[in-house]
mmCIF file of all heavy atoms, coordinates in Angstrom:
data_MODEL
# 
_entry.id   MODEL 
# 
loop_
_atom_site.group_PDB 
_atom_site.id 
_atom_site.type_symbol 
_atom_site.label_atom_id 
_atom_site.label_alt_id 
_atom_site.label_comp_id 
_atom_site.label_asym_id 
_atom_site.label_entity_id 
_atom_site.label_seq_id 
_atom_site.pdbx_PDB_ins_code 
_atom_site.Cartn_x 
_atom_site.Cartn_y 
_atom_site.Cartn_z 
_atom_site.occupancy 
_atom_site.B_iso_or_equiv 
_atom_site.pdbx_formal_charge 
_atom_site.auth_seq_id 
_atom_site.auth_comp_id 
_atom_site.auth_asym_id 
_atom_site.auth_atom_id 
_atom_site.pdbx_PDB_model_num 
ATOM 1   N N   . GLY A 1 1  ? 0.772  -1.238 0.000   1.00 0.00 ? 1  GLY A N   1 
ATOM 2   C CA  . GLY A 1 1  ? 0.000  0.000  0.000   1.00 0.00 ? 1  GLY A CA  1 
ATOM 3   C C   . GLY A 1 1  ? 0.803  1.288  0.000   1.00 0.00 ? 1  GLY A C   1 
ATOM 4   O O   . GLY A 1 1  ? 0.344  2.306  0.506   1.00 0.00 ? 1  GLY A O   1 
ATOM 5   N N   . LEU A 1 2  ? 2.015  1.234  -0.557  1.00 0.00 ? 2  LEU A N   1 
ATOM 6   C CA  . LEU A 1 2  ? 2.845  2.454  -0.577  1.00 0.00 ? 2  LEU A CA  1 
ATOM 7   C C   . LEU A 1 2  ? 2.884  3.087  -1.959  1.00 0.00 ? 2  LEU A C   1 
ATOM 8   O O   . LEU A 1 2  ? 3.611  4.047  -2.188  1.00 0.00 ? 2  LEU A O   1 
ATOM 9   C CB  . LEU A 1 2  ? 4.290  2.107  -0.190  1.00 0.00 ? 2  LEU A CB  1 
ATOM 10  C CG  . LEU A 1 2  ? 4.545  1.727  1.258   1.00 0.00 ? 2  LEU A CG  1 
ATOM 11  C CD1 . LEU A 1 2  ? 5.964  1.209  1.408   1.00 0.00 ? 2  LEU A CD1 1 
ATOM 12  C CD2 . LEU A 1 2  ? 4.333  2.934  2.154   1.00 0.00 ? 2  LEU A CD2 1 
ATOM 13  N N   . ILE A 1 3  ? 2.109  2.526  -2.878  1.00 0.00 ? 3  ILE A N   1 
ATOM 14  C CA  . ILE A 1 3  ? 2.246  2.907  -4.284  1.00 0.00 ? 3  ILE A CA  1 
ATOM 15  C C   . ILE A 1 3  ? 1.912  4.386  -4.497  1.00 0.00 ? 3  ILE A C   1 
ATOM 16  O O   . ILE A 1 3  ? 2.548  5.086  -5.275  1.00 0.00 ? 3  ILE A O   1 
ATOM 17  C CB  . ILE A 1 3  ? 1.391  1.999  -5.196  1.00 0.00 ? 3  ILE A CB  1 
ATOM 18  C CG1 . ILE A 1 3  ? 1.810  2.144  -6.642  1.00 0.00 ? 3  ILE A CG1 1 
ATOM 19  C CG2 . ILE A 1 3  ? -0.086 2.228  -5.035  1.00 0.00 ? 3  ILE A CG2 1 
ATOM 20  C CD1 . ILE A 1 3  ? 3.046  1.385  -7.000  1.00 0.00 ? 3  ILE A CD1 1 
ATOM 21  N N   . ARG A 1 4  ? 0.946  4.860  -3.731  1.00 0.00 ? 4  ARG A N   1 
ATOM 22  C CA  . ARG A 1 4  ? 0.510  6.249  -3.907  1.00 0.00 ? 4  ARG A CA  1 
ATOM 23  C C   . ARG A 1 4  ? 1.594  7.218  -3.435  1.00 0.00 ? 4  ARG A C   1 
ATOM 24  O O   . ARG A 1 4  ? 1.931  8.188  -4.108  1.00 0.00 ? 4  ARG A O   1 
ATOM 25  C CB  . ARG A 1 4  ? -0.767 6.434  -3.110  1.00 0.00 ? 4  ARG A CB  1 
ATOM 26  C CG  . ARG A 1 4  ? -1.401 7.770  -3.308  1.00 0.00 ? 4  ARG A CG  1 
ATOM 27  C CD  . ARG A 1 4  ? -2.697 7.813  -2.556  1.00 0.00 ? 4  ARG A CD  1 
ATOM 28  N NE  . ARG A 1 4  ? -3.144 9.183  -2.435  1.00 0.00 ? 4  ARG A NE  1 
ATOM 29  C CZ  . ARG A 1 4  ? -4.177 9.540  -1.698  1.00 0.00 ? 4  ARG A CZ  1 
ATOM 30  N NH1 . ARG A 1 4  ? -4.849 8.642  -1.025  1.00 0.00 ? 4  ARG A NH1 1 
ATOM 31  N NH2 . ARG A 1 4  ? -4.519 10.801 -1.627  1.00 0.00 ? 4  ARG A NH2 1 
ATOM 32  N N   . GLU A 1 5  ? 2.136  6.885  -2.256  1.00 0.00 ? 5  GLU A N   1 
ATOM 33  C CA  . GLU A 1 5  ? 3.212  7.705  -1.697  1.00 0.00 ? 5  GLU A CA  1 
ATOM 34  C C   . GLU A 1 5  ? 4.419  7.727  -2.649  1.00 0.00 ? 5  GLU A C   1 
ATOM 35  O O   . GLU A 1 5  ? 5.028  8.764  -2.897  1.00 0.00 ? 5  GLU A O   1 
ATOM 36  C CB  . GLU A 1 5  ? 3.644  7.067  -0.379  1.00 0.00 ? 5  GLU A CB  1 
ATOM 37  C CG  . GLU A 1 5  ? 3.861  8.032  0.752   1.00 0.00 ? 5  GLU A CG  1 
ATOM 38  C CD  . GLU A 1 5  ? 4.186  7.257  2.029   1.00 0.00 ? 5  GLU A CD  1 
ATOM 39  O OE1 . GLU A 1 5  ? 3.467  6.290  2.348   1.00 0.00 ? 5  GLU A OE1 1 
ATOM 40  O OE2 . GLU A 1 5  ? 5.178  7.617  2.670   1.00 0.00 ? 5  GLU A OE2 1 
ATOM 41  N N   . PHE A 1 6  ? 4.748  6.539  -3.157  1.00 0.00 ? 6  PHE A N   1 
ATOM 42  C CA  . PHE A 1 6  ? 5.880  6.412  -4.064  1.00 0.00 ? 6  PHE A CA  1 
ATOM 43  C C   . PHE A 1 6  ? 5.609  7.190  -5.360  1.00 0.00 ? 6  PHE A C   1 
ATOM 44  O O   . PHE A 1 6  ? 6.463  7.915  -5.863  1.00 0.00 ? 6  PHE A O   1 
ATOM 45  C CB  . PHE A 1 6  ? 6.135  4.927  -4.367  1.00 0.00 ? 6  PHE A CB  1 
ATOM 46  C CG  . PHE A 1 6  ? 7.210  4.690  -5.391  1.00 0.00 ? 6  PHE A CG  1 
ATOM 47  C CD1 . PHE A 1 6  ? 8.504  5.158  -5.190  1.00 0.00 ? 6  PHE A CD1 1 
ATOM 48  C CD2 . PHE A 1 6  ? 6.932  4.006  -6.571  1.00 0.00 ? 6  PHE A CD2 1 
ATOM 49  C CE1 . PHE A 1 6  ? 9.508  4.945  -6.135  1.00 0.00 ? 6  PHE A CE1 1 
ATOM 50  C CE2 . PHE A 1 6  ? 7.925  3.789  -7.520  1.00 0.00 ? 6  PHE A CE2 1 
ATOM 51  C CZ  . PHE A 1 6  ? 9.209  4.254  -7.307  1.00 0.00 ? 6  PHE A CZ  1 
ATOM 52  N N   . GLY A 1 7  ? 4.374  7.063  -5.875  1.00 0.00 ? 7  GLY A N   1 
ATOM 53  C CA  . GLY A 1 7  ? 3.987  7.770  -7.096  1.00 0.00 ? 7  GLY A CA  1 
ATOM 54  C C   . GLY A 1 7  ? 4.099  9.280  -6.937  1.00 0.00 ? 7  GLY A C   1 
ATOM 55  O O   . GLY A 1 7  ? 4.620  9.977  -7.812  1.00 0.00 ? 7  GLY A O   1 
ATOM 56  N N   . ASN A 1 8  ? 3.625  9.785  -5.788  1.00 0.00 ? 8  ASN A N   1 
ATOM 57  C CA  . ASN A 1 8  ? 3.711  11.234 -5.518  1.00 0.00 ? 8  ASN A CA  1 
ATOM 58  C C   . ASN A 1 8  ? 5.155  11.693 -5.463  1.00 0.00 ? 8  ASN A C   1 
ATOM 59  O O   . ASN A 1 8  ? 5.513  12.764 -5.957  1.00 0.00 ? 8  ASN A O   1 
ATOM 60  C CB  . ASN A 1 8  ? 3.036  11.576 -4.182  1.00 0.00 ? 8  ASN A CB  1 
ATOM 61  C CG  . ASN A 1 8  ? 1.522  11.493 -4.277  1.00 0.00 ? 8  ASN A CG  1 
ATOM 62  O OD1 . ASN A 1 8  ? 0.965  11.498 -5.379  1.00 0.00 ? 8  ASN A OD1 1 
ATOM 63  N ND2 . ASN A 1 8  ? 0.857  11.402 -3.142  1.00 0.00 ? 8  ASN A ND2 1 
ATOM 64  N N   . PHE A 1 9  ? 5.975  10.846 -4.847  1.00 0.00 ? 9  PHE A N   1 
ATOM 65  C CA  . PHE A 1 9  ? 7.402  11.160 -4.701  1.00 0.00 ? 9  PHE A CA  1 
ATOM 66  C C   . PHE A 1 9  ? 8.054  11.299 -6.080  1.00 0.00 ? 9  PHE A C   1 
ATOM 67  O O   . PHE A 1 9  ? 8.760  12.264 -6.366  1.00 0.00 ? 9  PHE A O   1 
ATOM 68  C CB  . PHE A 1 9  ? 8.064  10.050 -3.879  1.00 0.00 ? 9  PHE A CB  1 
ATOM 69  C CG  . PHE A 1 9  ? 9.564  10.114 -3.880  1.00 0.00 ? 9  PHE A CG  1 
ATOM 70  C CD1 . PHE A 1 9  ? 10.245 11.004 -3.071  1.00 0.00 ? 9  PHE A CD1 1 
ATOM 71  C CD2 . PHE A 1 9  ? 10.305 9.267  -4.704  1.00 0.00 ? 9  PHE A CD2 1 
ATOM 72  C CE1 . PHE A 1 9  ? 11.636 11.057 -3.081  1.00 0.00 ? 9  PHE A CE1 1 
ATOM 73  C CE2 . PHE A 1 9  ? 11.690 9.315  -4.718  1.00 0.00 ? 9  PHE A CE2 1 
ATOM 74  C CZ  . PHE A 1 9  ? 12.353 10.215 -3.899  1.00 0.00 ? 9  PHE A CZ  1 
ATOM 75  N N   . VAL A 1 10 ? 7.799  10.324 -6.957  1.00 0.00 ? 10 VAL A N   1 
ATOM 76  C CA  . VAL A 1 10 ? 8.419  10.327 -8.290  1.00 0.00 ? 10 VAL A CA  1 
ATOM 77  C C   . VAL A 1 10 ? 7.921  11.526 -9.105  1.00 0.00 ? 10 VAL A C   1 
ATOM 78  O O   . VAL A 1 10 ? 8.701  12.210 -9.773  1.00 0.00 ? 10 VAL A O   1 
ATOM 79  C CB  . VAL A 1 10 ? 8.145  9.000  -9.038  1.00 0.00 ? 10 VAL A CB  1 
ATOM 80  C CG1 . VAL A 1 10 ? 8.578  9.086  -10.491 1.00 0.00 ? 10 VAL A CG1 1 
ATOM 81  C CG2 . VAL A 1 10 ? 8.865  7.851  -8.337  1.00 0.00 ? 10 VAL A CG2 1 
ATOM 82  N N   . LEU A 1 11 ? 6.613  11.792 -8.996  1.00 0.00 ? 11 LEU A N   1 
ATOM 83  C CA  . LEU A 1 11 ? 6.047  12.898 -9.755  1.00 0.00 ? 11 LEU A CA  1 
ATOM 84  C C   . LEU A 1 11 ? 6.623  14.233 -9.303  1.00 0.00 ? 11 LEU A C   1 
ATOM 85  O O   . LEU A 1 11 ? 6.999  15.074 -10.131 1.00 0.00 ? 11 LEU A O   1 
ATOM 86  C CB  . LEU A 1 11 ? 4.521  12.882 -9.577  1.00 0.00 ? 11 LEU A CB  1 
ATOM 87  C CG  . LEU A 1 11 ? 3.667  13.427 -10.702 1.00 0.00 ? 11 LEU A CG  1 
ATOM 88  C CD1 . LEU A 1 11 ? 4.069  12.861 -12.055 1.00 0.00 ? 11 LEU A CD1 1 
ATOM 89  C CD2 . LEU A 1 11 ? 2.195  13.142 -10.434 1.00 0.00 ? 11 LEU A CD2 1 
ATOM 90  N N   . SER A 1 12 ? 6.749  14.426 -7.979  1.00 0.00 ? 12 SER A N   1 
ATOM 91  C CA  . SER A 1 12 ? 7.259  15.720 -7.512  1.00 0.00 ? 12 SER A CA  1 
ATOM 92  C C   . SER A 1 12 ? 8.737  15.871 -7.862  1.00 0.00 ? 12 SER A C   1 
ATOM 93  O O   . SER A 1 12 ? 9.185  16.951 -8.229  1.00 0.00 ? 12 SER A O   1 
ATOM 94  C CB  . SER A 1 12 ? 7.000  15.924 -6.015  1.00 0.00 ? 12 SER A CB  1 
ATOM 95  O OG  . SER A 1 12 ? 7.663  14.955 -5.272  1.00 0.00 ? 12 SER A OG  1 
ATOM 96  N N   . LYS A 1 13 ? 9.498  14.770 -7.786  1.00 0.00 ? 13 LYS A N   1 
ATOM 97  C CA  . LYS A 1 13 ? 10.902 14.834 -8.210  1.00 0.00 ? 13 LYS A CA  1 
ATOM 98  C C   . LYS A 1 13 ? 11.006 15.160 -9.704  1.00 0.00 ? 13 LYS A C   1 
ATOM 99  O O   . LYS A 1 13 ? 11.871 15.925 -10.129 1.00 0.00 ? 13 LYS A O   1 
ATOM 100 C CB  . LYS A 1 13 ? 11.580 13.479 -7.960  1.00 0.00 ? 13 LYS A CB  1 
ATOM 101 C CG  . LYS A 1 13 ? 12.252 13.352 -6.607  1.00 0.00 ? 13 LYS A CG  1 
ATOM 102 C CD  . LYS A 1 13 ? 13.675 12.835 -6.828  1.00 0.00 ? 13 LYS A CD  1 
ATOM 103 C CE  . LYS A 1 13 ? 14.405 12.396 -5.625  1.00 0.00 ? 13 LYS A CE  1 
ATOM 104 N NZ  . LYS A 1 13 ? 15.220 13.266 -4.877  1.00 0.00 ? 13 LYS A NZ  1 
ATOM 105 N N   . GLY A 1 14 ? 10.125 14.547 -10.499 1.00 0.00 ? 14 GLY A N   1 
ATOM 106 C CA  . GLY A 1 14 ? 10.139 14.759 -11.945 1.00 0.00 ? 14 GLY A CA  1 
ATOM 107 C C   . GLY A 1 14 ? 9.810  16.203 -12.317 1.00 0.00 ? 14 GLY A C   1 
ATOM 108 O O   . GLY A 1 14 ? 10.484 16.807 -13.159 1.00 0.00 ? 14 GLY A O   1 
ATOM 109 N N   . VAL A 1 15 ? 8.783  16.758 -11.679 1.00 0.00 ? 15 VAL A N   1 
ATOM 110 C CA  . VAL A 1 15 ? 8.388  18.136 -11.982 1.00 0.00 ? 15 VAL A CA  1 
ATOM 111 C C   . VAL A 1 15 ? 9.489  19.116 -11.550 1.00 0.00 ? 15 VAL A C   1 
ATOM 112 O O   . VAL A 1 15 ? 9.801  20.081 -12.256 1.00 0.00 ? 15 VAL A O   1 
ATOM 113 C CB  . VAL A 1 15 ? 7.022  18.480 -11.338 1.00 0.00 ? 15 VAL A CB  1 
ATOM 114 C CG1 . VAL A 1 15 ? 6.697  19.958 -11.506 1.00 0.00 ? 15 VAL A CG1 1 
ATOM 115 C CG2 . VAL A 1 15 ? 5.914  17.633 -11.973 1.00 0.00 ? 15 VAL A CG2 1 
ATOM 116 N N   . ALA A 1 16 ? 10.130 18.823 -10.424 1.00 0.00 ? 16 ALA A N   1 
ATOM 117 C CA  . ALA A 1 16 ? 11.253 19.666 -9.972  1.00 0.00 ? 16 ALA A CA  1 
ATOM 118 C C   . ALA A 1 16 ? 12.402 19.623 -10.987 1.00 0.00 ? 16 ALA A C   1 
ATOM 119 O O   . ALA A 1 16 ? 13.067 20.628 -11.253 1.00 0.00 ? 16 ALA A O   1 
ATOM 120 C CB  . ALA A 1 16 ? 11.733 19.210 -8.590  1.00 0.00 ? 16 ALA A CB  1 
ATOM 121 N N   . GLN A 1 17 ? 12.617 18.434 -11.567 1.00 0.00 ? 17 GLN A N   1 
ATOM 122 C CA  . GLN A 1 17 ? 13.666 18.295 -12.582 1.00 0.00 ? 17 GLN A CA  1 
ATOM 123 C C   . GLN A 1 17 ? 13.333 19.125 -13.830 1.00 0.00 ? 17 GLN A C   1 
ATOM 124 O O   . GLN A 1 17 ? 14.204 19.817 -14.372 1.00 0.00 ? 17 GLN A O   1 
ATOM 125 C CB  . GLN A 1 17 ? 13.798 16.811 -12.977 1.00 0.00 ? 17 GLN A CB  1 
ATOM 126 C CG  . GLN A 1 17 ? 14.837 16.557 -14.056 1.00 0.00 ? 17 GLN A CG  1 
ATOM 127 C CD  . GLN A 1 17 ? 16.247 16.889 -13.601 1.00 0.00 ? 17 GLN A CD  1 
ATOM 128 O OE1 . GLN A 1 17 ? 16.795 16.229 -12.736 1.00 0.00 ? 17 GLN A OE1 1 
ATOM 129 N NE2 . GLN A 1 17 ? 16.826 17.933 -14.161 1.00 0.00 ? 17 GLN A NE2 1 
ATOM 130 N N   . LEU A 1 18 ? 12.077 19.056 -14.255 1.00 0.00 ? 18 LEU A N   1 
ATOM 131 C CA  . LEU A 1 18 ? 11.653 19.859 -15.409 1.00 0.00 ? 18 LEU A CA  1 
ATOM 132 C C   . LEU A 1 18 ? 11.893 21.342 -15.148 1.00 0.00 ? 18 LEU A C   1 
ATOM 133 O O   . LEU A 1 18 ? 12.316 22.073 -16.041 1.00 0.00 ? 18 LEU A O   1 
ATOM 134 C CB  . LEU A 1 18 ? 10.163 19.632 -15.701 1.00 0.00 ? 18 LEU A CB  1 
ATOM 135 C CG  . LEU A 1 18 ? 9.810  18.536 -16.698 1.00 0.00 ? 18 LEU A CG  1 
ATOM 136 C CD1 . LEU A 1 18 ? 8.291  18.413 -16.815 1.00 0.00 ? 18 LEU A CD1 1 
ATOM 137 C CD2 . LEU A 1 18 ? 10.414 18.800 -18.084 1.00 0.00 ? 18 LEU A CD2 1 
ATOM 138 N N   . ALA A 1 19 ? 11.608 21.764 -13.919 1.00 0.00 ? 19 ALA A N   1 
ATOM 139 C CA  . ALA A 1 19 ? 11.815 23.180 -13.565 1.00 0.00 ? 19 ALA A CA  1 
ATOM 140 C C   . ALA A 1 19 ? 13.300 23.541 -13.698 1.00 0.00 ? 19 ALA A C   1 
ATOM 141 O O   . ALA A 1 19 ? 13.635 24.613 -14.212 1.00 0.00 ? 19 ALA A O   1 
ATOM 142 C CB  . ALA A 1 19 ? 11.323 23.443 -12.147 1.00 0.00 ? 19 ALA A CB  1 
ATOM 143 N N   . ARG A 1 20 ? 14.191 22.638 -13.259 1.00 0.00 ? 20 ARG A N   1 
ATOM 144 C CA  . ARG A 1 20 ? 15.623 22.912 -13.391 1.00 0.00 ? 20 ARG A CA  1 
ATOM 145 C C   . ARG A 1 20 ? 16.040 22.973 -14.854 1.00 0.00 ? 20 ARG A C   1 
ATOM 146 O O   . ARG A 1 20 ? 16.814 23.833 -15.259 1.00 0.00 ? 20 ARG A O   1 
ATOM 147 C CB  . ARG A 1 20 ? 16.456 21.858 -12.638 1.00 0.00 ? 20 ARG A CB  1 
ATOM 148 C CG  . ARG A 1 20 ? 16.375 21.982 -11.138 1.00 0.00 ? 20 ARG A CG  1 
ATOM 149 C CD  . ARG A 1 20 ? 17.461 21.191 -10.419 1.00 0.00 ? 20 ARG A CD  1 
ATOM 150 N NE  . ARG A 1 20 ? 17.344 19.751 -10.576 1.00 0.00 ? 20 ARG A NE  1 
ATOM 151 C CZ  . ARG A 1 20 ? 16.504 18.984 -9.866  1.00 0.00 ? 20 ARG A CZ  1 
ATOM 152 N NH1 . ARG A 1 20 ? 15.691 19.532 -8.976  1.00 0.00 ? 20 ARG A NH1 1 
ATOM 153 N NH2 . ARG A 1 20 ? 16.476 17.667 -10.057 1.00 0.00 ? 20 ARG A NH2 1 
ATOM 154 N N   . TRP A 1 21 ? 15.516 22.043 -15.654 1.00 0.00 ? 21 TRP A N   1 
ATOM 155 C CA  . TRP A 1 21 ? 15.832 22.060 -17.088 1.00 0.00 ? 21 TRP A CA  1 
ATOM 156 C C   . TRP A 1 21 ? 15.352 23.352 -17.740 1.00 0.00 ? 21 TRP A C   1 
ATOM 157 O O   . TRP A 1 21 ? 16.012 23.916 -18.596 1.00 0.00 ? 21 TRP A O   1 
ATOM 158 C CB  . TRP A 1 21 ? 15.190 20.857 -17.785 1.00 0.00 ? 21 TRP A CB  1 
ATOM 159 C CG  . TRP A 1 21 ? 15.912 19.569 -17.546 1.00 0.00 ? 21 TRP A CG  1 
ATOM 160 C CD1 . TRP A 1 21 ? 17.163 19.408 -17.030 1.00 0.00 ? 21 TRP A CD1 1 
ATOM 161 C CD2 . TRP A 1 21 ? 15.427 18.247 -17.825 1.00 0.00 ? 21 TRP A CD2 1 
ATOM 162 N NE1 . TRP A 1 21 ? 17.481 18.066 -16.961 1.00 0.00 ? 21 TRP A NE1 1 
ATOM 163 C CE2 . TRP A 1 21 ? 16.439 17.338 -17.449 1.00 0.00 ? 21 TRP A CE2 1 
ATOM 164 C CE3 . TRP A 1 21 ? 14.234 17.746 -18.357 1.00 0.00 ? 21 TRP A CE3 1 
ATOM 165 C CZ2 . TRP A 1 21 ? 16.293 15.954 -17.589 1.00 0.00 ? 21 TRP A CZ2 1 
ATOM 166 C CZ3 . TRP A 1 21 ? 14.084 16.369 -18.489 1.00 0.00 ? 21 TRP A CZ3 1 
ATOM 167 C CH2 . TRP A 1 21 ? 15.113 15.482 -18.108 1.00 0.00 ? 21 TRP A CH2 1 
ATOM 168 N N   . GLN A 1 22 ? 14.180 23.793 -17.317 1.00 0.00 ? 22 GLN A N   1 
ATOM 169 C CA  . GLN A 1 22 ? 13.591 24.984 -17.925 1.00 0.00 ? 22 GLN A CA  1 
ATOM 170 C C   . GLN A 1 22 ? 14.426 26.232 -17.682 1.00 0.00 ? 22 GLN A C   1 
ATOM 171 O O   . GLN A 1 22 ? 14.361 27.186 -18.438 1.00 0.00 ? 22 GLN A O   1 
ATOM 172 C CB  . GLN A 1 22 ? 12.183 25.200 -17.347 1.00 0.00 ? 22 GLN A CB  1 
ATOM 173 C CG  . GLN A 1 22 ? 11.109 25.233 -18.400 1.00 0.00 ? 22 GLN A CG  1 
ATOM 174 C CD  . GLN A 1 22 ? 9.702  25.331 -17.808 1.00 0.00 ? 22 GLN A CD  1 
ATOM 175 O OE1 . GLN A 1 22 ? 8.882  24.479 -18.031 1.00 0.00 ? 22 GLN A OE1 1 
ATOM 176 N NE2 . GLN A 1 22 ? 9.438  26.383 -17.057 1.00 0.00 ? 22 GLN A NE2 1 
ATOM 177 N N   . ARG A 1 23 ? 15.203 26.228 -16.590 1.00 0.00 ? 23 ARG A N   1 
ATOM 178 C CA  . ARG A 1 23 ? 15.997 27.415 -16.246 1.00 0.00 ? 23 ARG A CA  1 
ATOM 179 C C   . ARG A 1 23 ? 17.300 27.499 -17.037 1.00 0.00 ? 23 ARG A C   1 
ATOM 180 O O   . ARG A 1 23 ? 18.015 28.480 -16.946 1.00 0.00 ? 23 ARG A O   1 
ATOM 181 C CB  . ARG A 1 23 ? 16.298 27.423 -14.737 1.00 0.00 ? 23 ARG A CB  1 
ATOM 182 C CG  . ARG A 1 23 ? 15.079 27.710 -13.886 1.00 0.00 ? 23 ARG A CG  1 
ATOM 183 C CD  . ARG A 1 23 ? 15.455 28.099 -12.474 1.00 0.00 ? 23 ARG A CD  1 
ATOM 184 N NE  . ARG A 1 23 ? 15.992 26.995 -11.691 1.00 0.00 ? 23 ARG A NE  1 
ATOM 185 C CZ  . ARG A 1 23 ? 15.225 26.144 -10.982 1.00 0.00 ? 23 ARG A CZ  1 
ATOM 186 N NH1 . ARG A 1 23 ? 13.914 26.283 -10.983 1.00 0.00 ? 23 ARG A NH1 1 
ATOM 187 N NH2 . ARG A 1 23 ? 15.793 25.174 -10.284 1.00 0.00 ? 23 ARG A NH2 1 
ATOM 188 N N   . ASP A 1 24 ? 17.620 26.452 -17.785 1.00 0.00 ? 24 ASP A N   1 
ATOM 189 C CA  . ASP A 1 24 ? 18.882 26.426 -18.521 1.00 0.00 ? 24 ASP A CA  1 
ATOM 190 C C   . ASP A 1 24 ? 18.590 26.376 -20.021 1.00 0.00 ? 24 ASP A C   1 
ATOM 191 O O   . ASP A 1 24 ? 17.848 25.521 -20.486 1.00 0.00 ? 24 ASP A O   1 
ATOM 192 C CB  . ASP A 1 24 ? 19.678 25.191 -18.085 1.00 0.00 ? 24 ASP A CB  1 
ATOM 193 C CG  . ASP A 1 24 ? 21.052 25.120 -18.738 1.00 0.00 ? 24 ASP A CG  1 
ATOM 194 O OD1 . ASP A 1 24 ? 21.236 25.725 -19.819 1.00 0.00 ? 24 ASP A OD1 1 
ATOM 195 O OD2 . ASP A 1 24 ? 21.932 24.450 -18.180 1.00 0.00 ? 24 ASP A OD2 1 
ATOM 196 N N   . GLU A 1 25 ? 19.175 27.299 -20.753 1.00 0.00 ? 25 GLU A N   1 
ATOM 197 C CA  . GLU A 1 25 ? 18.904 27.399 -22.189 1.00 0.00 ? 25 GLU A CA  1 
ATOM 198 C C   . GLU A 1 25 ? 19.143 26.087 -22.937 1.00 0.00 ? 25 GLU A C   1 
ATOM 199 O O   . GLU A 1 25 ? 18.432 25.752 -23.869 1.00 0.00 ? 25 GLU A O   1 
ATOM 200 C CB  . GLU A 1 25 ? 19.809 28.484 -22.785 1.00 0.00 ? 25 GLU A CB  1 
ATOM 201 C CG  . GLU A 1 25 ? 19.104 29.396 -23.745 1.00 0.00 ? 25 GLU A CG  1 
ATOM 202 C CD  . GLU A 1 25 ? 19.986 30.587 -24.102 1.00 0.00 ? 25 GLU A CD  1 
ATOM 203 O OE1 . GLU A 1 25 ? 20.014 31.563 -23.320 1.00 0.00 ? 25 GLU A OE1 1 
ATOM 204 O OE2 . GLU A 1 25 ? 20.636 30.508 -25.161 1.00 0.00 ? 25 GLU A OE2 1 
ATOM 205 N N   . ALA A 1 26 ? 20.171 25.354 -22.512 1.00 0.00 ? 26 ALA A N   1 
ATOM 206 C CA  . ALA A 1 26 ? 20.539 24.121 -23.227 1.00 0.00 ? 26 ALA A CA  1 
ATOM 207 C C   . ALA A 1 26 ? 19.486 23.021 -23.071 1.00 0.00 ? 26 ALA A C   1 
ATOM 208 O O   . ALA A 1 26 ? 19.353 22.153 -23.927 1.00 0.00 ? 26 ALA A O   1 
ATOM 209 C CB  . ALA A 1 26 ? 21.886 23.619 -22.714 1.00 0.00 ? 26 ALA A CB  1 
# 
């Protein structure tokens, strides 16, 4: 029963990564 917690974790890490990519022109 940890799938939801794990899913939220991966999604928030992923969105944070996109934000970092967005800040760099490359």
